[in-house]
């Protein structure tokens, strides 16, 4: 829980409070939920915060002028705590503007990217995901898609890279070392299956729709963008393959839609921040 984490106390209390004390307006934008099991909380209207947690968030709210949410469950959680928020797509989509200006923009999109994590997410968060079964699901998916497409596994960390290379030896795996390397890599991708929302969000920012998989309510961030999502514990290779192929049949339409969402979101965040000063 954030109220028990020294890191979150430093961020939400000390840093916010230091700015607020100096008269600098603070906006907490694109807040998201995380660590809440899809099975238990995806459709929940309320969450039972204890008094310690409520006091923690009240202190944070006192130091901020405005909060926005990036997923509907987060919006409901914050409402339970007494703060109304506007639901706006995550700011990470804005990275697409930068990536599209980089060298390599405009090259042929011929890659289906797959992001592989042991449990189909950072954590199981109380869901029942068998790592062996999940590896078989992703392996089957990659094999099925490779009949028609070029497959590349993309990793967030050295551990993820080693995991993908060990499990799927006959497919290339990459870990971009810098933001620029990642940006150039996004220009090769035509769709993806990812378990990290911050793999899906930059792709959406360059107009590429992907399928999100996971175990917790963070998937709501992608659902708000209109992207397909599947709980890792129930995903099948056939289902994921069909969703990727469906996205590819309407690539241009989805690309235009996501670009429009990106620009509308940037405009809304700009207005919110301008209104603070």
Protein backbone atom coordinates (compact mmCIF):
# COMPACT_ATOMS: atom_id res chain seq x y z
CA UNK A 1 0.00 0.00 0.00
CA UNK A 2 1.33 3.51 -0.83
CA UNK A 3 0.81 4.70 2.75
CA UNK A 4 3.30 2.04 3.92
CA UNK A 5 5.94 2.83 1.30
CA UNK A 6 8.75 5.31 2.07
CA UNK A 7 9.10 5.91 -1.69
CA UNK A 8 5.47 7.00 -2.08
CA UNK A 9 5.63 9.13 1.05
CA UNK A 10 8.64 10.91 -0.40
CA UNK A 11 6.88 11.41 -3.72
CA UNK A 12 3.31 12.23 -2.67
CA UNK A 13 4.05 14.11 0.54
CA UNK A 14 7.57 15.51 0.64
CA UNK A 15 8.01 16.42 -3.04
CA UNK A 16 4.46 17.65 -3.60
CA UNK A 17 4.55 19.47 -0.28
CA UNK A 18 7.88 21.17 -1.04
CA UNK A 19 6.51 22.62 -4.27
CA UNK A 20 3.21 23.61 -2.70
CA UNK A 21 4.98 25.36 0.20
CA UNK A 22 6.86 27.50 -2.32
CA UNK A 23 3.61 28.43 -4.06
CA UNK A 24 4.24 26.23 -7.07
CA UNK A 25 0.98 24.69 -8.31
CA UNK A 26 1.11 20.89 -8.42
CA UNK A 27 -0.97 18.72 -10.72
CA UNK A 28 -1.04 14.95 -10.28
CA UNK A 29 -1.98 13.85 -13.79
CA UNK A 30 -2.55 10.41 -15.32
CA UNK A 31 -2.91 8.64 -11.98
CA UNK A 32 -3.53 4.94 -12.48
CA UNK A 33 -4.54 1.92 -10.48
CA UNK A 34 -2.21 -1.01 -10.08
CA UNK A 35 -1.95 -4.15 -8.01
CA UNK A 36 -5.70 -4.71 -7.87
CA UNK A 37 -6.55 -8.15 -9.21
CA UNK A 38 -8.82 -8.13 -12.25
CA UNK A 39 -10.69 -11.10 -10.82
CA UNK A 40 -11.49 -9.30 -7.58
CA UNK A 41 -11.70 -5.61 -8.40
CA UNK A 42 -12.32 -4.93 -12.09
CA UNK A 43 -16.05 -4.37 -11.59
CA UNK A 44 -15.90 -3.09 -8.02
CA UNK A 45 -17.50 0.30 -7.36
CA UNK A 46 -15.76 0.88 -4.05
CA UNK A 47 -12.71 -0.17 -2.10
CA UNK A 48 -12.45 -0.27 1.67
CA UNK A 49 -9.60 2.13 2.53
CA UNK A 50 -8.57 2.12 6.18
CA UNK A 51 -8.14 5.32 8.19
CA UNK A 52 -4.35 5.34 7.72
CA UNK A 53 -4.70 5.17 3.93
CA UNK A 54 -7.37 7.89 3.89
CA UNK A 55 -5.12 10.18 5.93
CA UNK A 56 -2.22 9.48 3.56
CA UNK A 57 -4.21 10.47 0.49
CA UNK A 58 -5.81 13.46 2.18
CA UNK A 59 -2.34 14.87 2.85
CA UNK A 60 -1.38 14.28 -0.78
CA UNK A 61 -4.55 15.93 -2.09
CA UNK A 62 -3.91 18.96 0.12
CA UNK A 63 -0.63 19.58 -1.71
CA UNK A 64 -2.08 19.24 -5.22
CA UNK A 65 -4.47 21.45 -7.16
CA UNK A 66 -5.87 18.76 -9.44
CA UNK A 67 -5.67 15.04 -10.15
CA UNK A 68 -6.60 13.23 -13.34
CA UNK A 69 -7.09 9.49 -13.88
CA UNK A 70 -5.94 7.28 -16.73
CA UNK A 71 -8.23 4.32 -15.97
CA UNK A 72 -11.80 4.01 -14.77
CA UNK A 73 -10.99 1.93 -11.69
CA UNK A 74 -8.52 4.56 -10.49
CA UNK A 75 -11.19 7.20 -11.02
CA UNK A 76 -13.59 5.20 -8.82
CA UNK A 77 -10.92 4.69 -6.15
CA UNK A 78 -10.14 8.40 -5.97
CA UNK A 79 -13.85 9.24 -5.81
CA UNK A 80 -14.10 6.90 -2.81
CA UNK A 81 -11.33 8.97 -1.21
CA UNK A 82 -13.20 12.21 -1.88
CA UNK A 83 -11.42 13.46 -5.01
CA UNK A 84 -13.26 13.77 -8.31
CA UNK A 85 -11.00 13.34 -11.33
CA UNK A 86 -11.29 13.63 -15.09
CA UNK A 87 -10.60 10.44 -17.04
CA UNK A 88 -8.02 11.21 -19.77
CA UNK A 89 -5.77 8.81 -21.74
CA UNK A 90 -2.29 8.42 -20.25
CA UNK A 91 0.31 11.11 -20.96
CA UNK A 92 2.68 8.40 -22.24
CA UNK A 93 0.87 8.58 -25.58
CA UNK A 94 2.49 11.97 -26.15
CA UNK A 95 5.82 10.20 -26.72
CA UNK A 96 4.50 9.36 -30.17
CA UNK A 97 5.14 12.92 -31.34
CA UNK A 98 8.83 12.59 -30.53
CA UNK A 99 9.18 9.10 -31.96
CA UNK A 100 7.60 10.13 -35.25
CA UNK A 101 10.20 12.89 -35.70
CA UNK A 102 13.14 10.51 -35.27
CA UNK A 103 15.41 9.05 -37.93
CA UNK A 104 13.82 5.83 -39.09
CA UNK A 105 10.30 7.19 -39.10
CA UNK A 106 8.44 6.08 -42.18
CA UNK A 107 10.25 2.75 -42.61
CA UNK A 108 8.28 -0.38 -43.44
CA UNK A 109 6.16 -1.74 -40.62
CA UNK A 110 6.65 -5.49 -40.84
CA UNK A 111 7.04 -6.69 -37.23
CA UNK A 112 4.63 -8.19 -34.71
CA UNK A 113 6.22 -7.49 -31.32
CA UNK A 114 5.61 -9.69 -28.30
CA UNK A 115 6.45 -8.68 -24.74
CA UNK A 116 6.89 -11.81 -22.60
CA UNK A 117 6.80 -11.90 -18.81
CA UNK A 118 6.73 -15.06 -16.73
CA UNK A 119 3.19 -14.54 -15.44
CA UNK A 120 1.85 -12.39 -18.28
CA UNK A 121 2.32 -9.36 -16.03
CA UNK A 122 4.68 -7.86 -13.45
CA UNK A 123 2.96 -9.90 -10.73
CA UNK A 124 0.11 -12.38 -10.46
CA UNK A 125 -1.73 -10.10 -8.00
CA UNK A 126 -3.59 -13.08 -6.61
CA UNK A 127 -4.67 -14.54 -9.94
CA UNK A 128 -3.92 -18.10 -11.00
CA UNK A 129 -1.41 -17.92 -13.86
CA UNK A 130 0.67 -21.04 -14.44
CA UNK A 131 4.07 -19.88 -15.80
CA UNK A 132 4.61 -23.09 -17.78
CA UNK A 133 1.18 -22.87 -19.39
CA UNK A 134 1.73 -19.19 -20.13
CA UNK A 135 5.05 -19.90 -21.84
CA UNK A 136 3.32 -22.52 -23.98
CA UNK A 137 0.55 -20.04 -24.85
CA UNK A 138 3.02 -17.38 -25.99
CA UNK A 139 5.13 -19.93 -27.84
CA UNK A 140 2.07 -21.19 -29.69
CA UNK A 141 1.00 -17.64 -30.47
CA UNK A 142 4.42 -16.75 -31.89
CA UNK A 143 4.49 -19.90 -34.01
CA UNK A 144 1.02 -19.28 -35.39
CA UNK A 145 1.69 -15.64 -36.23
CA UNK A 146 5.10 -16.42 -37.75
CA UNK A 147 3.39 -18.22 -40.62
CA UNK A 148 2.41 -14.80 -41.97
CA UNK A 149 4.46 -12.21 -40.05
CA UNK A 150 7.92 -11.43 -38.73
CA UNK A 151 8.01 -11.94 -34.95
CA UNK A 152 10.34 -10.08 -32.56
CA UNK A 153 10.27 -10.35 -28.77
CA UNK A 154 10.86 -7.02 -27.05
CA UNK A 155 12.12 -6.85 -23.46
CA UNK A 156 12.02 -4.14 -20.81
CA UNK A 157 14.97 -5.42 -18.78
CA UNK A 158 17.95 -7.77 -18.98
CA UNK A 159 15.95 -10.35 -17.00
CA UNK A 160 13.08 -10.19 -19.50
CA UNK A 161 15.52 -10.45 -22.39
CA UNK A 162 17.14 -13.56 -20.90
CA UNK A 163 13.70 -15.06 -20.23
CA UNK A 164 12.57 -14.57 -23.84
CA UNK A 165 15.84 -15.84 -25.32
CA UNK A 166 15.75 -18.96 -23.17
CA UNK A 167 12.09 -19.74 -23.87
CA UNK A 168 11.89 -18.84 -27.56
CA UNK A 169 15.27 -19.58 -29.09
CA UNK A 170 14.08 -19.55 -32.71
CA UNK A 171 12.79 -15.95 -32.57
CA UNK A 172 14.87 -12.77 -32.24
CA UNK A 173 14.68 -10.88 -28.94
CA UNK A 174 15.72 -7.28 -28.37
CA UNK A 175 16.01 -4.86 -25.49
CA UNK A 176 16.34 -1.25 -26.67
CA UNK A 177 19.07 0.37 -24.58
CA UNK A 178 17.79 3.94 -24.87
CA UNK A 179 14.55 5.81 -25.46
CA UNK A 180 15.76 6.67 -28.95
CA UNK A 181 16.45 3.02 -29.75
CA UNK A 182 12.97 2.14 -28.56
CA UNK A 183 11.48 4.98 -30.59
CA UNK A 184 13.14 3.73 -33.77
CA UNK A 185 12.00 0.20 -32.99
CA UNK A 186 8.37 1.36 -32.71
CA UNK A 187 8.59 2.45 -36.34
CA UNK A 188 9.03 -1.19 -37.41
CA UNK A 189 5.98 -2.50 -35.54
CA UNK A 190 2.57 -3.02 -37.12
CA UNK A 191 0.93 -4.61 -34.05
CA UNK A 192 1.93 -6.22 -30.77
CA UNK A 193 0.92 -8.40 -27.86
CA UNK A 194 2.24 -6.83 -24.68
CA UNK A 195 1.96 -7.29 -20.93
CA UNK A 196 3.41 -3.87 -20.09
CA UNK A 197 1.01 -0.98 -20.60
CA UNK A 198 3.98 1.30 -21.19
CA UNK A 199 4.83 -0.80 -24.20
CA UNK A 200 1.30 -0.42 -25.56
CA UNK A 201 1.02 3.31 -24.84
CA UNK A 202 4.02 4.54 -26.90
CA UNK A 203 2.84 2.28 -29.72
CA UNK A 204 -0.60 3.85 -29.52
CA UNK A 205 1.16 7.21 -29.62
CA UNK A 206 2.58 6.38 -33.05
CA UNK A 207 -0.75 5.03 -34.22
CA UNK A 208 -0.16 1.31 -33.68
CA UNK A 209 -2.84 -0.72 -31.93
CA UNK A 210 -1.80 -3.66 -29.75
CA UNK A 211 -3.38 -6.34 -27.58
CA UNK A 212 -2.83 -5.86 -23.86
CA UNK A 213 -2.55 -8.77 -21.44
CA UNK A 214 -2.20 -8.66 -17.68
CA UNK A 215 -3.53 -9.60 -14.28
CA UNK A 216 -4.54 -6.32 -12.65
CA UNK A 217 -6.66 -3.22 -13.18
CA UNK A 218 -3.90 -1.37 -15.04
CA UNK A 219 -5.39 -2.94 -18.15
CA UNK A 220 -8.13 -0.34 -17.78
CA UNK A 221 -5.63 2.22 -19.11
CA UNK A 222 -5.66 0.41 -22.45
CA UNK A 223 -9.39 -0.28 -22.36
CA UNK A 224 -9.95 3.47 -22.07
CA UNK A 225 -8.03 3.84 -25.34
CA UNK A 226 -10.32 1.32 -27.02
CA UNK A 227 -7.58 -1.31 -27.28
CA UNK A 228 -8.39 -5.01 -26.79
CA UNK A 229 -7.26 -6.52 -23.48
CA UNK A 230 -7.24 -10.09 -22.22
CA UNK A 231 -6.58 -11.40 -18.69
CA UNK A 232 -3.45 -13.54 -18.77
CA UNK A 233 -5.12 -16.30 -16.79
CA UNK A 234 -7.73 -16.91 -19.51
CA UNK A 235 -5.85 -15.94 -22.70
CA UNK A 236 -5.38 -18.51 -25.45
CA UNK A 237 -3.05 -18.44 -28.44
CA UNK A 238 -6.02 -18.68 -30.80
CA UNK A 239 -7.77 -15.73 -29.15
CA UNK A 240 -4.69 -13.51 -29.17
CA UNK A 241 -3.90 -14.42 -32.78
CA UNK A 242 -7.43 -13.53 -33.87
CA UNK A 243 -7.28 -10.17 -32.10
CA UNK A 244 -3.94 -9.27 -33.70
CA UNK A 245 -5.23 -10.19 -37.15
CA UNK A 246 -8.41 -8.17 -36.55
CA UNK A 247 -6.35 -5.11 -35.64
CA UNK A 248 -4.27 -5.52 -38.79
CA UNK A 249 -7.36 -5.60 -41.02
CA UNK A 250 -8.19 -2.07 -39.85
CA UNK A 251 -4.68 -0.74 -39.33
CA UNK A 252 -5.27 2.58 -41.10
CA UNK A 253 -8.55 3.27 -39.30
CA UNK A 254 -7.04 2.44 -35.91
CA UNK A 255 -3.93 4.49 -36.67
CA UNK A 256 -6.01 7.56 -37.50
CA UNK A 257 -8.16 7.04 -34.42
CA UNK A 258 -5.20 6.69 -32.06
CA UNK A 259 -3.48 9.74 -33.52
CA UNK A 260 -6.67 11.72 -32.92
CA UNK A 261 -6.87 10.44 -29.32
CA UNK A 262 -3.22 11.41 -28.78
CA UNK A 263 -3.71 14.95 -30.02
CA UNK A 264 -6.95 15.46 -28.08
CA UNK A 265 -5.28 14.18 -24.90
CA UNK A 266 -2.26 16.47 -25.32
CA UNK A 267 -4.59 19.42 -25.86
CA UNK A 268 -6.58 18.59 -22.73
CA UNK A 269 -3.49 18.18 -20.55
CA UNK A 270 -2.10 21.45 -21.92
CA UNK A 271 -5.30 23.25 -20.99
CA UNK A 272 -5.32 21.78 -17.48
CA UNK A 273 -1.73 22.83 -16.82
CA UNK A 274 -2.22 26.29 -18.31
CA UNK A 275 -5.23 26.84 -16.08
CA UNK A 276 -3.04 26.27 -13.01
CA UNK A 277 -0.84 29.31 -13.63
